[in-house]
N, C-alpha and C. Protein backbone atom coordinates (compact mmCIF):
# COMPACT_ATOMS: atom_id res chain seq x y z
N MET A 1 81.86 105.37 149.63
CA MET A 1 82.85 104.28 150.34
C MET A 1 84.17 104.64 149.98
N MET A 2 85.08 104.53 151.04
CA MET A 2 86.12 104.73 151.06
C MET A 2 87.06 103.42 150.80
N GLU A 3 88.19 103.31 150.31
CA GLU A 3 89.15 102.07 150.38
C GLU A 3 90.48 102.18 150.92
N LYS A 4 90.47 101.11 151.81
CA LYS A 4 91.91 101.42 152.52
C LYS A 4 92.94 100.13 151.95
N THR A 5 93.86 100.25 152.00
CA THR A 5 95.05 99.50 151.35
C THR A 5 95.79 98.85 152.32
N THR A 6 95.98 97.66 152.68
CA THR A 6 97.03 97.16 153.73
C THR A 6 98.11 96.65 152.50
N LYS A 7 99.21 97.15 153.00
CA LYS A 7 100.30 96.52 151.94
C LYS A 7 101.43 95.64 153.00
N LEU A 8 102.18 94.58 152.57
CA LEU A 8 103.03 93.55 153.15
C LEU A 8 103.96 93.30 152.33
N LEU A 9 105.04 93.63 153.01
CA LEU A 9 106.38 93.19 152.40
C LEU A 9 106.94 91.85 153.05
N VAL A 10 106.99 91.03 152.42
CA VAL A 10 107.83 89.46 152.40
C VAL A 10 109.01 88.98 151.68
N CYS A 11 109.92 88.51 152.59
CA CYS A 11 111.12 88.43 152.32
C CYS A 11 111.24 86.71 151.60
N ALA A 12 111.87 86.47 150.64
CA ALA A 12 111.97 85.21 150.08
C ALA A 12 111.72 83.90 150.91
N GLY A 13 112.56 83.91 151.94
CA GLY A 13 112.86 82.89 153.11
C GLY A 13 111.45 82.84 153.50
N THR A 14 110.64 84.01 154.18
CA THR A 14 109.59 84.01 154.84
C THR A 14 108.33 83.37 153.43
N LEU A 15 108.47 83.57 152.69
CA LEU A 15 107.64 83.25 151.46
C LEU A 15 107.50 81.76 151.24
N MET A 16 108.49 81.28 151.10
CA MET A 16 109.05 79.65 151.09
C MET A 16 108.32 78.98 152.31
N LEU A 17 108.57 79.50 153.48
CA LEU A 17 108.00 79.20 154.89
C LEU A 17 106.20 78.98 154.82
N ILE A 18 106.04 80.07 154.37
CA ILE A 18 104.72 80.41 154.27
C ILE A 18 103.93 79.54 153.04
N ALA A 19 104.04 80.08 151.69
CA ALA A 19 103.68 79.37 151.09
C ALA A 19 104.08 77.95 150.17
N GLY A 20 105.27 77.79 150.97
CA GLY A 20 106.00 76.53 150.09
C GLY A 20 106.65 76.62 148.64
N VAL A 21 106.53 77.97 148.20
CA VAL A 21 107.05 78.13 146.87
C VAL A 21 108.24 79.15 146.85
N PRO A 22 109.31 78.72 146.15
CA PRO A 22 110.40 79.42 146.10
C PRO A 22 110.28 80.78 145.12
N LEU A 23 111.06 81.58 145.61
CA LEU A 23 110.75 83.06 144.73
C LEU A 23 111.47 83.09 143.51
N ASP A 24 110.92 82.41 142.63
CA ASP A 24 111.85 82.67 141.27
C ASP A 24 110.76 82.80 140.04
N HIS A 25 111.17 82.38 138.96
CA HIS A 25 110.15 82.91 137.96
C HIS A 25 109.12 81.90 137.73
N SER A 26 109.02 81.07 138.55
CA SER A 26 107.88 80.07 138.71
C SER A 26 106.66 80.79 139.62
N PHE A 27 107.04 81.67 140.49
CA PHE A 27 106.15 82.37 141.17
C PHE A 27 105.47 83.10 140.34
N LEU A 28 105.63 83.84 139.40
CA LEU A 28 104.66 84.09 138.84
C LEU A 28 103.00 83.79 138.41
N LYS A 29 103.23 82.44 138.26
CA LYS A 29 102.23 81.70 137.85
C LYS A 29 101.09 81.59 139.25
N TYR A 30 101.61 81.75 140.37
CA TYR A 30 101.06 81.43 141.40
C TYR A 30 100.29 83.17 141.70
N LYS A 31 101.11 84.16 141.38
CA LYS A 31 100.66 85.49 141.89
C LYS A 31 98.95 85.83 141.45
N LYS A 32 98.81 85.06 140.28
CA LYS A 32 97.40 84.99 139.47
C LYS A 32 96.48 84.42 140.47
N GLU A 33 96.59 83.67 141.35
CA GLU A 33 95.89 83.00 142.01
C GLU A 33 95.26 84.04 143.26
N LEU A 34 96.40 84.74 143.91
CA LEU A 34 95.70 85.60 144.78
C LEU A 34 94.91 86.70 144.72
N CYS A 35 94.17 86.88 143.47
CA CYS A 35 93.45 87.80 143.32
C CYS A 35 91.90 87.20 143.82
N ASN A 36 92.08 85.86 143.86
CA ASN A 36 90.74 85.23 144.82
C ASN A 36 90.78 85.66 145.98
N TYR A 37 91.57 85.83 146.70
CA TYR A 37 91.85 86.13 148.20
C TYR A 37 91.94 87.59 148.22
N GLY A 38 91.72 88.21 147.63
CA GLY A 38 91.48 89.65 147.41
C GLY A 38 92.83 90.36 147.61
N TYR A 39 94.05 89.82 147.38
CA TYR A 39 95.25 90.35 147.32
C TYR A 39 95.95 90.44 145.98
N GLU A 40 96.78 91.23 145.88
CA GLU A 40 97.48 91.54 144.65
C GLU A 40 99.05 91.55 144.83
N VAL A 41 99.70 91.38 143.75
CA VAL A 41 101.28 91.16 143.85
C VAL A 41 101.80 92.71 143.31
N SER A 42 101.99 93.74 144.19
CA SER A 42 102.47 94.77 143.39
C SER A 42 103.56 94.95 143.05
N LYS A 43 104.66 94.37 143.74
CA LYS A 43 106.23 94.43 142.98
C LYS A 43 107.03 93.04 143.50
N ILE A 44 107.65 92.46 142.67
CA ILE A 44 108.64 91.58 143.08
C ILE A 44 109.81 91.82 142.60
N SER A 45 110.80 91.71 143.50
CA SER A 45 112.25 92.41 143.45
C SER A 45 113.32 90.78 143.52
N MET A 46 113.74 90.53 142.19
CA MET A 46 114.51 89.29 142.40
C MET A 46 115.67 89.61 143.20
N LYS A 47 116.19 91.01 143.16
CA LYS A 47 117.29 91.12 143.54
C LYS A 47 117.33 91.34 144.92
N ALA A 48 116.61 91.72 145.26
CA ALA A 48 116.21 92.07 147.11
C ALA A 48 115.48 90.98 147.73
N GLN A 49 115.13 89.95 146.84
CA GLN A 49 114.32 88.73 147.11
C GLN A 49 113.01 89.11 148.31
N THR A 50 112.07 90.13 147.55
CA THR A 50 111.16 90.37 148.46
C THR A 50 110.07 90.46 147.50
N VAL A 51 108.87 90.31 147.89
CA VAL A 51 107.58 90.31 147.33
C VAL A 51 106.56 91.44 148.10
N HIS A 52 106.36 92.33 147.11
CA HIS A 52 105.00 93.57 148.00
C HIS A 52 103.75 93.06 147.80
N PHE A 53 103.11 92.51 148.76
CA PHE A 53 101.76 92.51 148.58
C PHE A 53 100.69 93.67 148.99
N SER A 54 99.53 93.77 148.28
CA SER A 54 98.48 94.71 148.69
C SER A 54 97.24 93.98 148.64
N LYS A 55 96.51 94.68 149.75
CA LYS A 55 95.27 93.96 149.96
C LYS A 55 94.13 95.27 150.16
N GLN A 56 92.89 95.35 149.09
CA GLN A 56 92.21 96.09 149.23
C GLN A 56 91.09 95.83 150.62
N GLN A 57 90.65 96.93 151.15
CA GLN A 57 89.67 96.48 152.12
C GLN A 57 88.57 97.79 151.96
N ALA A 58 87.55 97.40 152.09
CA ALA A 58 86.30 98.37 151.91
C ALA A 58 86.24 99.12 153.62
N GLY A 59 86.06 100.14 153.55
CA GLY A 59 86.01 100.88 154.85
C GLY A 59 85.64 102.16 155.03
């Protein structure tokens, strides 16, 4: 079975609107919860104020 990866790039402002949490060091505790939903944080850039998410999909 082959797996596909969906990648998503979210800026800090959008993250605040969607999740209601700021992009700061406290965000690190929330990223652990994403595994329950099939997502993972692949990169956090504090300088660029972006978060790269990945989701594994069987296909």
